[in-house]
Amino acid sequence: MARVLIVQGHARSRADTAATLRAEGHDVLEAGSADNGVRLAHEQGPEVILLDPMLPDRSGYELYASLQRDPATLAIPASFRRSRPRRARCPAWPSAASTS
C-alpha cells in the first residue's frame, strides 16, 4: 500500500486519520506542524501528503507552496483535508447548554 504523510495540527484528528489509513494497510507518517511535515517529506519520501489548511506554525497552503518549489518534493501529490468539525455560531441562537 501507499506511504502517506499526514500533516495535521490537531492531534486527535491526526490520530483518527492515521488509524483509518493503517487499518486499510497504508504506511502512515504523522507530523503536527509544517516544519515537521517538510522534514518527513524529505527524509521518508511519502507517496502522498494530506495537509491541514490550518497548522500551528504556518498555513498548509504555505507548506504546499514550499513543497512545490522544492525539486525533491515537487512530484509528491498533496491534498488538503480539514478534519476538525466546524461549529456554526449565530449570536441570536442560544447555546445547547442554555436550552436544557
C-alpha atoms as a PDB file:
ATOM      1  CA  MET A   1       0.000   0.000   0.000  1.00  0.00           C
ATOM      2  CA  ALA A   2       0.953   3.677  -0.072  1.00  0.00           C
ATOM      3  CA  ARG A   3       3.171   5.626   2.295  1.00  0.00           C
ATOM      4  CA  VAL A   4       1.018   8.574   3.426  1.00  0.00           C
ATOM      5  CA  LEU A   5       2.212  11.663   5.287  1.00  0.00           C
ATOM      6  CA  ILE A   6      -0.468  13.355   7.386  1.00  0.00           C
ATOM      7  CA  VAL A   7       0.363  16.947   8.334  1.00  0.00           C
ATOM      8  CA  GLN A   8      -2.367  17.882  10.784  1.00  0.00           C
ATOM      9  CA  GLY A   9      -2.109  20.282  13.726  1.00  0.00           C
ATOM     10  CA  HIS A  10      -4.973  18.754  15.698  1.00  0.00           C
ATOM     11  CA  ALA A  11      -3.572  15.643  17.425  1.00  0.00           C
ATOM     12  CA  ARG A  12      -6.867  13.761  17.781  1.00  0.00           C
ATOM     13  CA  SER A  13      -7.835  14.309  14.145  1.00  0.00           C
ATOM     14  CA  ARG A  14      -4.363  13.263  13.038  1.00  0.00           C
ATOM     15  CA  ALA A  15      -4.540  10.081  15.139  1.00  0.00           C
ATOM     16  CA  ASP A  16      -8.029   9.207  13.841  1.00  0.00           C
ATOM     17  CA  THR A  17      -6.979   9.663  10.227  1.00  0.00           C
ATOM     18  CA  ALA A  18      -3.791   7.669  10.787  1.00  0.00           C
ATOM     19  CA  ALA A  19      -5.704   4.804  12.419  1.00  0.00           C
ATOM     20  CA  THR A  20      -8.136   4.645   9.498  1.00  0.00           C
ATOM     21  CA  LEU A  21      -5.338   4.587   6.938  1.00  0.00           C
ATOM     22  CA  ARG A  22      -3.332   1.987   8.874  1.00  0.00           C
ATOM     23  CA  ALA A  23      -6.414  -0.233   9.099  1.00  0.00           C
ATOM     24  CA  GLU A  24      -6.512  -0.116   5.290  1.00  0.00           C
ATOM     25  CA  GLY A  25      -2.885  -1.257   5.149  1.00  0.00           C
ATOM     26  CA  HIS A  26      -1.114   2.037   4.452  1.00  0.00           C
ATOM     27  CA  ASP A  27       2.230   3.038   5.924  1.00  0.00           C
ATOM     28  CA  VAL A  28       1.460   6.288   7.760  1.00  0.00           C
ATOM     29  CA  LEU A  29       3.797   9.106   8.781  1.00  0.00           C
ATOM     30  CA  GLU A  30       2.498  11.828  11.102  1.00  0.00           C
ATOM     31  CA  ALA A  31       3.533  15.456  11.550  1.00  0.00           C
ATOM     32  CA  GLY A  32       1.899  18.006  13.839  1.00  0.00           C
ATOM     33  CA  SER A  33       3.468  21.052  12.201  1.00  0.00           C
ATOM     34  CA  ALA A  34       4.564  22.317   8.803  1.00  0.00           C
ATOM     35  CA  ASP A  35       8.239  22.177   9.785  1.00  0.00           C
ATOM     36  CA  ASN A  36       7.971  18.518  10.813  1.00  0.00           C
ATOM     37  CA  GLY A  37       5.999  17.795   7.649  1.00  0.00           C
ATOM     38  CA  VAL A  38       8.769  19.211   5.451  1.00  0.00           C
ATOM     39  CA  ARG A  39      11.376  17.208   7.360  1.00  0.00           C
ATOM     40  CA  LEU A  40       9.416  13.947   6.995  1.00  0.00           C
ATOM     41  CA  ALA A  41       8.696  14.602   3.327  1.00  0.00           C
ATOM     42  CA  HIS A  42      12.446  14.869   2.700  1.00  0.00           C
ATOM     43  CA  GLU A  43      13.526  12.021   4.978  1.00  0.00           C
ATOM     44  CA  GLN A  44      10.788   9.477   4.240  1.00  0.00           C
ATOM     45  CA  GLY A  45       9.613  10.254   0.702  1.00  0.00           C
ATOM     46  CA  PRO A  46       5.866   9.693   1.076  1.00  0.00           C
ATOM     47  CA  GLU A  47       3.756   8.802  -1.948  1.00  0.00           C
ATOM     48  CA  VAL A  48       1.033  11.267  -0.967  1.00  0.00           C
ATOM     49  CA  ILE A  49       0.599  14.059   1.601  1.00  0.00           C
ATOM     50  CA  LEU A  50      -2.617  15.020   3.389  1.00  0.00           C
ATOM     51  CA  LEU A  51      -2.442  18.638   4.569  1.00  0.00           C
ATOM     52  CA  ASP A  52      -4.456  20.546   7.136  1.00  0.00           C
ATOM     53  CA  PRO A  53      -5.013  24.140   5.928  1.00  0.00           C
ATOM     54  CA  MET A  54      -4.548  25.420   9.497  1.00  0.00           C
ATOM     55  CA  LEU A  55      -1.268  24.361  11.100  1.00  0.00           C
ATOM     56  CA  PRO A  56       0.276  25.778  14.280  1.00  0.00           C
ATOM     57  CA  ASP A  57       3.440  27.195  12.678  1.00  0.00           C
ATOM     58  CA  ARG A  58       2.179  28.277   9.225  1.00  0.00           C
ATOM     59  CA  SER A  59      -0.705  27.550   6.926  1.00  0.00           C
ATOM     60  CA  GLY A  60      -0.995  24.340   4.976  1.00  0.00           C
ATOM     61  CA  TYR A  61      -1.175  26.474   1.841  1.00  0.00           C
ATOM     62  CA  GLU A  62       2.247  27.942   2.624  1.00  0.00           C
ATOM     63  CA  LEU A  63       3.569  24.447   3.262  1.00  0.00           C
ATOM     64  CA  TYR A  64       2.161  23.234  -0.057  1.00  0.00           C
ATOM     65  CA  ALA A  65       3.777  26.158  -1.894  1.00  0.00           C
ATOM     66  CA  SER A  66       7.163  25.376  -0.340  1.00  0.00           C
ATOM     67  CA  LEU A  67       6.836  21.683  -1.282  1.00  0.00           C
ATOM     68  CA  GLN A  68       6.034  22.711  -4.868  1.00  0.00           C
ATOM     69  CA  ARG A  69       9.141  24.914  -5.050  1.00  0.00           C
ATOM     70  CA  ASP A  70      11.426  22.094  -3.893  1.00  0.00           C
ATOM     71  CA  PRO A  71      12.554  19.658  -6.632  1.00  0.00           C
ATOM     72  CA  ALA A  72      12.814  16.859  -4.026  1.00  0.00           C
ATOM     73  CA  THR A  73       9.110  17.115  -3.103  1.00  0.00           C
ATOM     74  CA  LEU A  74       7.570  18.635  -6.245  1.00  0.00           C
ATOM     75  CA  ALA A  75       6.268  15.311  -7.587  1.00  0.00           C
ATOM     76  CA  ILE A  76       4.534  14.231  -4.368  1.00  0.00           C
ATOM     77  CA  PRO A  77       0.764  14.669  -4.727  1.00  0.00           C
ATOM     78  CA  ALA A  78      -0.899  16.549  -1.885  1.00  0.00           C
ATOM     79  CA  SER A  79      -4.489  17.023  -0.822  1.00  0.00           C
ATOM     80  CA  PHE A  80      -5.999  19.386   1.707  1.00  0.00           C
ATOM     81  CA  ARG A  81      -8.101  17.837   4.418  1.00  0.00           C
ATOM     82  CA  ARG A  82      -9.822  19.759   7.165  1.00  0.00           C
ATOM     83  CA  SER A  83     -10.812  17.215   9.753  1.00  0.00           C
ATOM     84  CA  ARG A  84     -11.815  19.329  12.723  1.00  0.00           C
ATOM     85  CA  PRO A  85     -15.548  19.891  12.772  1.00  0.00           C
ATOM     86  CA  ARG A  86     -16.678  23.431  12.222  1.00  0.00           C
ATOM     87  CA  ARG A  87     -19.121  24.759  14.771  1.00  0.00           C
ATOM     88  CA  ALA A  88     -21.648  27.128  13.332  1.00  0.00           C
ATOM     89  CA  ARG A  89     -22.274  30.051  15.625  1.00  0.00           C
ATOM     90  CA  CYS A  90     -25.038  32.561  15.457  1.00  0.00           C
ATOM     91  CA  PRO A  91     -25.335  35.142  18.250  1.00  0.00           C
ATOM     92  CA  ALA A  92     -29.127  35.008  18.048  1.00  0.00           C
ATOM     93  CA  TRP A  93     -29.260  31.266  18.730  1.00  0.00           C
ATOM     94  CA  PRO A  94     -28.967  30.005  22.308  1.00  0.00           C
ATOM     95  CA  SER A  95     -26.180  27.575  23.043  1.00  0.00           C
ATOM     96  CA  ALA A  96     -27.015  23.918  23.646  1.00  0.00           C
ATOM     97  CA  ALA A  97     -26.185  24.364  27.330  1.00  0.00           C
ATOM     98  CA  SER A  98     -28.741  27.138  27.824  1.00  0.00           C
ATOM     99  CA  THR A  99     -31.661  25.179  26.314  1.00  0.00           C
ATOM    100  CA  SER A 100     -31.732  22.439  28.958  1.00  0.00           C
END
